[in-house]
Amino acid sequence: MGQRGEVFSTRLVKNERTYFFNVKENIRGDVFLNIVESKGLPDSDRFIRQSIIIYQEDLGEFLKELQKSLDFIKQNTR
């Protein structure tokens, strides 16, 4: 890709939370997914941000385990 920083970004806004899905490239050319949750604090202009990074070589296994979790939720909740 040859560029550093954000390569692609999309977001999902649900209620008081915003989820960002950012594909980034580091200085060595490694591509990774950065998932960020941002939530506003009540009666404030401040936000709480939480982030997780999944590297390209881990995406397949990450998605597999995520799917297991989603299947469990579907089968065990109303």
C-alpha atoms as a PDB file:
ATOM      1  CA  MET A   1       0.000   0.000   0.000  1.00  0.00           C
ATOM      2  CA  GLY A   2       2.875   2.311   0.701  1.00  0.00           C
ATOM      3  CA  GLN A   3       1.118   4.807   2.886  1.00  0.00           C
ATOM      4  CA  ARG A   4       1.072   5.334   6.605  1.00  0.00           C
ATOM      5  CA  GLY A   5      -1.982   5.877   8.726  1.00  0.00           C
ATOM      6  CA  GLU A   6      -5.642   5.377   7.976  1.00  0.00           C
ATOM      7  CA  VAL A   7      -6.413   3.465   4.781  1.00  0.00           C
ATOM      8  CA  PHE A   8     -10.166   2.969   5.223  1.00  0.00           C
ATOM      9  CA  SER A   9     -12.719   3.919   7.865  1.00  0.00           C
ATOM     10  CA  THR A  10     -16.396   3.394   8.498  1.00  0.00           C
ATOM     11  CA  ARG A  11     -18.611   3.948  11.528  1.00  0.00           C
ATOM     12  CA  LEU A  12     -21.796   2.747  13.159  1.00  0.00           C
ATOM     13  CA  VAL A  13     -23.824   5.053  15.397  1.00  0.00           C
ATOM     14  CA  LYS A  14     -26.193   3.310  17.820  1.00  0.00           C
ATOM     15  CA  ASN A  15     -27.902   5.236  20.614  1.00  0.00           C
ATOM     16  CA  GLU A  16     -25.193   7.020  22.622  1.00  0.00           C
ATOM     17  CA  ARG A  17     -22.335   4.930  21.222  1.00  0.00           C
ATOM     18  CA  THR A  18     -20.314   5.264  18.044  1.00  0.00           C
ATOM     19  CA  TYR A  19     -18.225   2.385  16.714  1.00  0.00           C
ATOM     20  CA  PHE A  20     -15.369   3.109  14.324  1.00  0.00           C
ATOM     21  CA  PHE A  21     -13.836   0.408  12.116  1.00  0.00           C
ATOM     22  CA  ASN A  22     -10.478   1.745  10.940  1.00  0.00           C
ATOM     23  CA  VAL A  23      -8.092  -0.082   8.629  1.00  0.00           C
ATOM     24  CA  LYS A  24      -4.636   1.348   9.189  1.00  0.00           C
ATOM     25  CA  GLU A  25      -1.083   0.795   8.056  1.00  0.00           C
ATOM     26  CA  ASN A  26       1.912   1.299  10.330  1.00  0.00           C
ATOM     27  CA  ILE A  27       5.313   2.639   9.355  1.00  0.00           C
ATOM     28  CA  ARG A  28       6.557  -0.894   8.482  1.00  0.00           C
ATOM     29  CA  GLY A  29       3.640  -1.460   6.106  1.00  0.00           C
ATOM     30  CA  ASP A  30       1.733  -3.810   8.442  1.00  0.00           C
ATOM     31  CA  VAL A  31      -2.030  -3.542   7.955  1.00  0.00           C
ATOM     32  CA  PHE A  32      -4.354  -3.860  10.946  1.00  0.00           C
ATOM     33  CA  LEU A  33      -7.955  -3.285  12.015  1.00  0.00           C
ATOM     34  CA  ASN A  34      -8.551  -0.818  14.823  1.00  0.00           C
ATOM     35  CA  ILE A  35     -12.040  -1.020  16.374  1.00  0.00           C
ATOM     36  CA  VAL A  36     -12.957   1.925  18.584  1.00  0.00           C
ATOM     37  CA  GLU A  37     -16.013   2.503  20.766  1.00  0.00           C
ATOM     38  CA  SER A  38     -16.726   6.101  21.697  1.00  0.00           C
ATOM     39  CA  LYS A  39     -19.378   7.075  24.233  1.00  0.00           C
ATOM     40  CA  GLY A  40     -20.184  10.522  25.550  1.00  0.00           C
ATOM     41  CA  LEU A  41     -20.184  11.176  29.277  1.00  0.00           C
ATOM     42  CA  PRO A  42     -23.502  12.437  30.648  1.00  0.00           C
ATOM     43  CA  ASP A  43     -23.663  16.209  31.120  1.00  0.00           C
ATOM     44  CA  SER A  44     -20.196  16.673  29.646  1.00  0.00           C
ATOM     45  CA  ASP A  45     -18.414  17.378  26.382  1.00  0.00           C
ATOM     46  CA  ARG A  46     -15.999  14.531  27.155  1.00  0.00           C
ATOM     47  CA  PHE A  47     -15.943  11.041  25.648  1.00  0.00           C
ATOM     48  CA  ILE A  48     -14.776   7.627  26.774  1.00  0.00           C
ATOM     49  CA  ARG A  49     -12.876   5.813  24.033  1.00  0.00           C
ATOM     50  CA  GLN A  50     -11.925   2.163  24.059  1.00  0.00           C
ATOM     51  CA  SER A  51      -9.905   0.508  21.340  1.00  0.00           C
ATOM     52  CA  ILE A  52      -8.788  -2.921  20.164  1.00  0.00           C
ATOM     53  CA  ILE A  53      -6.279  -3.688  17.412  1.00  0.00           C
ATOM     54  CA  ILE A  54      -6.385  -6.877  15.326  1.00  0.00           C
ATOM     55  CA  TYR A  55      -3.423  -7.477  13.037  1.00  0.00           C
ATOM     56  CA  GLN A  56      -3.903  -8.785   9.505  1.00  0.00           C
ATOM     57  CA  GLU A  57      -2.372 -12.190  10.276  1.00  0.00           C
ATOM     58  CA  ASP A  58      -4.867 -12.692  13.140  1.00  0.00           C
ATOM     59  CA  LEU A  59      -8.046 -11.627  11.328  1.00  0.00           C
ATOM     60  CA  GLY A  60      -9.111 -15.109  10.198  1.00  0.00           C
ATOM     61  CA  GLU A  61      -8.859 -16.616  13.663  1.00  0.00           C
ATOM     62  CA  PHE A  62     -10.385 -13.501  15.218  1.00  0.00           C
ATOM     63  CA  LEU A  63     -13.414 -13.743  12.929  1.00  0.00           C
ATOM     64  CA  LYS A  64     -13.761 -17.462  13.656  1.00  0.00           C
ATOM     65  CA  GLU A  65     -13.872 -16.870  17.417  1.00  0.00           C
ATOM     66  CA  LEU A  66     -16.168 -13.869  17.005  1.00  0.00           C
ATOM     67  CA  GLN A  67     -18.571 -16.030  14.987  1.00  0.00           C
ATOM     68  CA  LYS A  68     -18.551 -18.678  17.751  1.00  0.00           C
ATOM     69  CA  SER A  69     -19.525 -15.976  20.240  1.00  0.00           C
ATOM     70  CA  LEU A  70     -22.312 -14.669  17.993  1.00  0.00           C
ATOM     71  CA  ASP A  71     -23.649 -18.199  17.451  1.00  0.00           C
ATOM     72  CA  PHE A  72     -23.686 -18.746  21.218  1.00  0.00           C
ATOM     73  CA  ILE A  73     -25.647 -15.525  21.757  1.00  0.00           C
ATOM     74  CA  LYS A  74     -28.199 -16.506  19.097  1.00  0.00           C
ATOM     75  CA  GLN A  75     -28.666 -19.989  20.565  1.00  0.00           C
ATOM     76  CA  ASN A  76     -28.763 -19.031  24.243  1.00  0.00           C
ATOM     77  CA  THR A  77     -30.666 -15.766  24.453  1.00  0.00           C
ATOM     78  CA  ARG A  78     -34.141 -14.634  23.593  1.00  0.00           C
END
